[in-house]
C-alpha atoms as a PDB file:
ATOM      1  CA  MET A   1      -9.769-110.743 145.229  1.00  0.00           C
ATOM      2  CA  MET A   2      -9.275-114.273 145.180  1.00  0.00           C
ATOM      3  CA  THR A   3      -9.288-116.260 147.815  1.00  0.00           C
ATOM      4  CA  TYR A   4      -7.729-119.381 146.295  1.00  0.00           C
ATOM      5  CA  LEU A   5      -4.648-120.265 144.247  1.00  0.00           C
ATOM      6  CA  PRO A   6      -3.882-123.270 142.697  1.00  0.00           C
ATOM      7  CA  GLU A   7      -0.389-124.637 143.729  1.00  0.00           C
ATOM      8  CA  VAL A   8       0.732-124.880 140.210  1.00  0.00           C
ATOM      9  CA  TYR A   9       0.003-120.810 140.065  1.00  0.00           C
ATOM     10  CA  ARG A  10       1.532-120.178 143.724  1.00  0.00           C
ATOM     11  CA  GLY A  11       4.937-121.515 142.413  1.00  0.00           C
ATOM     12  CA  PHE A  12       4.922-119.901 138.898  1.00  0.00           C
ATOM     13  CA  MET A  13       4.332-116.870 141.039  1.00  0.00           C
ATOM     14  CA  GLN A  14       7.583-117.374 143.304  1.00  0.00           C
ATOM     15  CA  GLN A  15       9.865-119.098 140.516  1.00  0.00           C
ATOM     16  CA  PHE A  16       8.422-116.055 138.427  1.00  0.00           C
ATOM     17  CA  PRO A  17       7.615-113.201 140.512  1.00  0.00           C
ATOM     18  CA  GLU A  18       8.085-110.461 138.023  1.00  0.00           C
ATOM     19  CA  VAL A  19       6.743-112.459 134.663  1.00  0.00           C
ATOM     20  CA  ALA A  20       3.486-112.969 137.621  1.00  0.00           C
ATOM     21  CA  GLU A  21       2.734-108.918 138.337  1.00  0.00           C
ATOM     22  CA  SER A  22       2.723-108.061 134.899  1.00  0.00           C
ATOM     23  CA  TYR A  23       0.604-111.442 133.982  1.00  0.00           C
ATOM     24  CA  GLU A  24      -1.401-109.941 136.435  1.00  0.00           C
ATOM     25  CA  ASP A  25      -1.609-106.285 135.848  1.00  0.00           C
ATOM     26  CA  LEU A  26      -2.631-107.168 132.540  1.00  0.00           C
ATOM     27  CA  ALA A  27      -5.272-109.319 133.037  1.00  0.00           C
ATOM     28  CA  ASP A  28      -6.643-106.635 135.261  1.00  0.00           C
ATOM     29  CA  ASN A  29      -6.140-103.687 132.061  1.00  0.00           C
ATOM     30  CA  CYS A  30      -7.980-106.214 130.056  1.00  0.00           C
ATOM     31  CA  HIS A  31     -10.533-107.328 132.822  1.00  0.00           C
ATOM     32  CA  ASN A  32     -11.524-103.352 133.861  1.00  0.00           C
ATOM     33  CA  TRP A  33     -11.106-102.070 130.288  1.00  0.00           C
ATOM     34  CA  GLY A  34     -14.457-101.417 128.351  1.00  0.00           C
ATOM     35  CA  PRO A  35     -18.194-101.064 129.271  1.00  0.00           C
ATOM     36  CA  LEU A  36     -19.009-104.403 130.576  1.00  0.00           C
ATOM     37  CA  ASP A  37     -19.867-104.714 133.642  1.00  0.00           C
ATOM     38  CA  GLU A  38     -18.432-106.879 136.687  1.00  0.00           C
ATOM     39  CA  LYS A  39     -21.016-109.769 136.399  1.00  0.00           C
ATOM     40  CA  THR A  40     -20.740-109.833 132.160  1.00  0.00           C
ATOM     41  CA  ARG A  41     -16.916-109.771 132.055  1.00  0.00           C
ATOM     42  CA  ARG A  42     -16.859-112.666 134.611  1.00  0.00           C
ATOM     43  CA  LEU A  43     -19.625-114.561 132.908  1.00  0.00           C
ATOM     44  CA  VAL A  44     -17.773-114.253 129.507  1.00  0.00           C
ATOM     45  CA  LYS A  45     -14.511-115.191 130.936  1.00  0.00           C
ATOM     46  CA  LEU A  46     -16.131-118.437 132.172  1.00  0.00           C
ATOM     47  CA  GLY A  47     -17.755-119.216 128.794  1.00  0.00           C
ATOM     48  CA  ILE A  48     -14.333-118.816 126.810  1.00  0.00           C
ATOM     49  CA  ALA A  49     -12.732-120.835 129.375  1.00  0.00           C
ATOM     50  CA  VAL A  50     -15.422-123.470 128.651  1.00  0.00           C
ATOM     51  CA  GLY A  51     -14.698-123.181 124.913  1.00  0.00           C
ATOM     52  CA  LEU A  52     -11.018-123.409 125.443  1.00  0.00           C
ATOM     53  CA  SER A  53     -12.288-127.132 127.748  1.00  0.00           C
ATOM     54  CA  SER A  54      -9.618-125.569 130.506  1.00  0.00           C
ATOM     55  CA  GLU A  55     -10.579-126.909 134.045  1.00  0.00           C
ATOM     56  CA  GLY A  56      -7.974-125.338 135.721  1.00  0.00           C
ATOM     57  CA  ALA A  57     -10.111-122.244 134.529  1.00  0.00           C
ATOM     58  CA  VAL A  58     -13.458-123.512 134.388  1.00  0.00           C
ATOM     59  CA  ARG A  59     -12.753-123.966 138.351  1.00  0.00           C
ATOM     60  CA  SER A  60     -10.723-120.840 138.526  1.00  0.00           C
ATOM     61  CA  HIS A  61     -13.891-118.655 137.027  1.00  0.00           C
ATOM     62  CA  THR A  62     -16.529-120.562 138.803  1.00  0.00           C
ATOM     63  CA  ARG A  63     -14.661-120.213 142.472  1.00  0.00           C
ATOM     64  CA  ARG A  64     -14.589-116.250 141.426  1.00  0.00           C
ATOM     65  CA  ALA A  65     -18.209-115.885 139.873  1.00  0.00           C
ATOM     66  CA  LEU A  66     -19.400-117.542 143.279  1.00  0.00           C
ATOM     67  CA  GLU A  67     -17.212-115.481 145.303  1.00  0.00           C
ATOM     68  CA  GLU A  68     -18.719-112.243 143.739  1.00  0.00           C
ATOM     69  CA  GLU A  69     -22.771-113.505 144.193  1.00  0.00           C
ATOM     70  CA  ILE A  70     -23.201-114.633 140.417  1.00  0.00           C
ATOM     71  CA  SER A  71     -25.715-117.005 140.950  1.00  0.00           C
ATOM     72  CA  PRO A  72     -25.327-120.851 140.478  1.00  0.00           C
ATOM     73  CA  ILE A  73     -28.028-120.926 138.226  1.00  0.00           C
ATOM     74  CA  GLU A  74     -26.334-117.794 136.082  1.00  0.00           C
ATOM     75  CA  ILE A  75     -23.072-119.606 136.386  1.00  0.00           C
ATOM     76  CA  ARG A  76     -25.091-123.022 135.143  1.00  0.00           C
ATOM     77  CA  HIS A  77     -26.913-121.291 133.160  1.00  0.00           C
ATOM     78  CA  ALA A  78     -23.840-119.411 130.936  1.00  0.00           C
ATOM     79  CA  VAL A  79     -21.914-123.027 130.937  1.00  0.00           C
ATOM     80  CA  LEU A  80     -25.100-124.401 128.948  1.00  0.00           C
ATOM     81  CA  MET A  81     -24.649-121.999 126.015  1.00  0.00           C
ATOM     82  CA  ALA A  82     -21.550-123.777 125.402  1.00  0.00           C
ATOM     83  CA  LEU A  83     -23.472-126.324 123.935  1.00  0.00           C
ATOM     84  CA  THR A  84     -24.112-125.303 120.442  1.00  0.00           C
ATOM     85  CA  THR A  85     -20.836-123.048 120.284  1.00  0.00           C
ATOM     86  CA  ALA A  86     -18.147-125.143 122.244  1.00  0.00           C
ATOM     87  CA  GLY A  87     -19.826-128.599 121.442  1.00  0.00           C
ATOM     88  CA  PHE A  88     -21.031-131.177 123.685  1.00  0.00           C
ATOM     89  CA  PRO A  89     -17.733-132.455 125.311  1.00  0.00           C
ATOM     90  CA  ALA A  90     -16.647-129.343 126.734  1.00  0.00           C
ATOM     91  CA  MET A  91     -20.126-127.758 128.412  1.00  0.00           C
ATOM     92  CA  ILE A  92     -20.462-131.395 129.690  1.00  0.00           C
ATOM     93  CA  ALA A  93     -17.132-131.254 131.355  1.00  0.00           C
ATOM     94  CA  ALA A  94     -17.190-128.054 132.295  1.00  0.00           C
ATOM     95  CA  ILE A  95     -20.723-128.943 134.137  1.00  0.00           C
ATOM     96  CA  LYS A  96     -18.900-131.366 135.862  1.00  0.00           C
ATOM     97  CA  TRP A  97     -16.037-128.954 137.223  1.00  0.00           C
ATOM     98  CA  ILE A  98     -18.582-126.626 137.995  1.00  0.00           C
ATOM     99  CA  GLU A  99     -20.550-128.660 140.209  1.00  0.00           C
ATOM    100  CA  GLU A 100     -17.784-129.970 142.484  1.00  0.00           C
ATOM    101  CA  VAL A 101     -17.211-125.692 142.810  1.00  0.00           C
ATOM    102  CA  ILE A 102     -20.656-125.418 143.483  1.00  0.00           C
ATOM    103  CA  GLY A 103     -20.806-128.062 145.890  1.00  0.00           C
ATOM    104  CA  LYS A 104     -17.416-127.045 147.488  1.00  0.00           C
ATOM    105  CA  HIS A 105     -18.949-123.836 147.990  1.00  0.00           C
ATOM    106  CA  GLN A 106     -21.992-124.307 149.202  1.00  0.00           C
ATOM    107  CA  GLN A 107     -20.339-126.634 152.676  1.00  0.00           C
END
């Protein structure tokens, strides 16, 4: 389970608890369906977040990956692969975000 939730998401959960619960159920069902292992699923989600240039999602999936003992080098590799698909701006921004999360995690 995630140990950190952004303030905006905590507010969403308080304001719309039924919707938040339904969203979390859907997310769990999508995450757990199919043959991909946990590490692969987490890195795929990180890659999607990079492609969307979603700072919050990149940070969230990086934190969760680290909590699941995915190494910083594996996370960096997943983000670097976005260079030729999502483009340099999305990849370089994500590098900054993941490095900040990795740095906090290592403290």
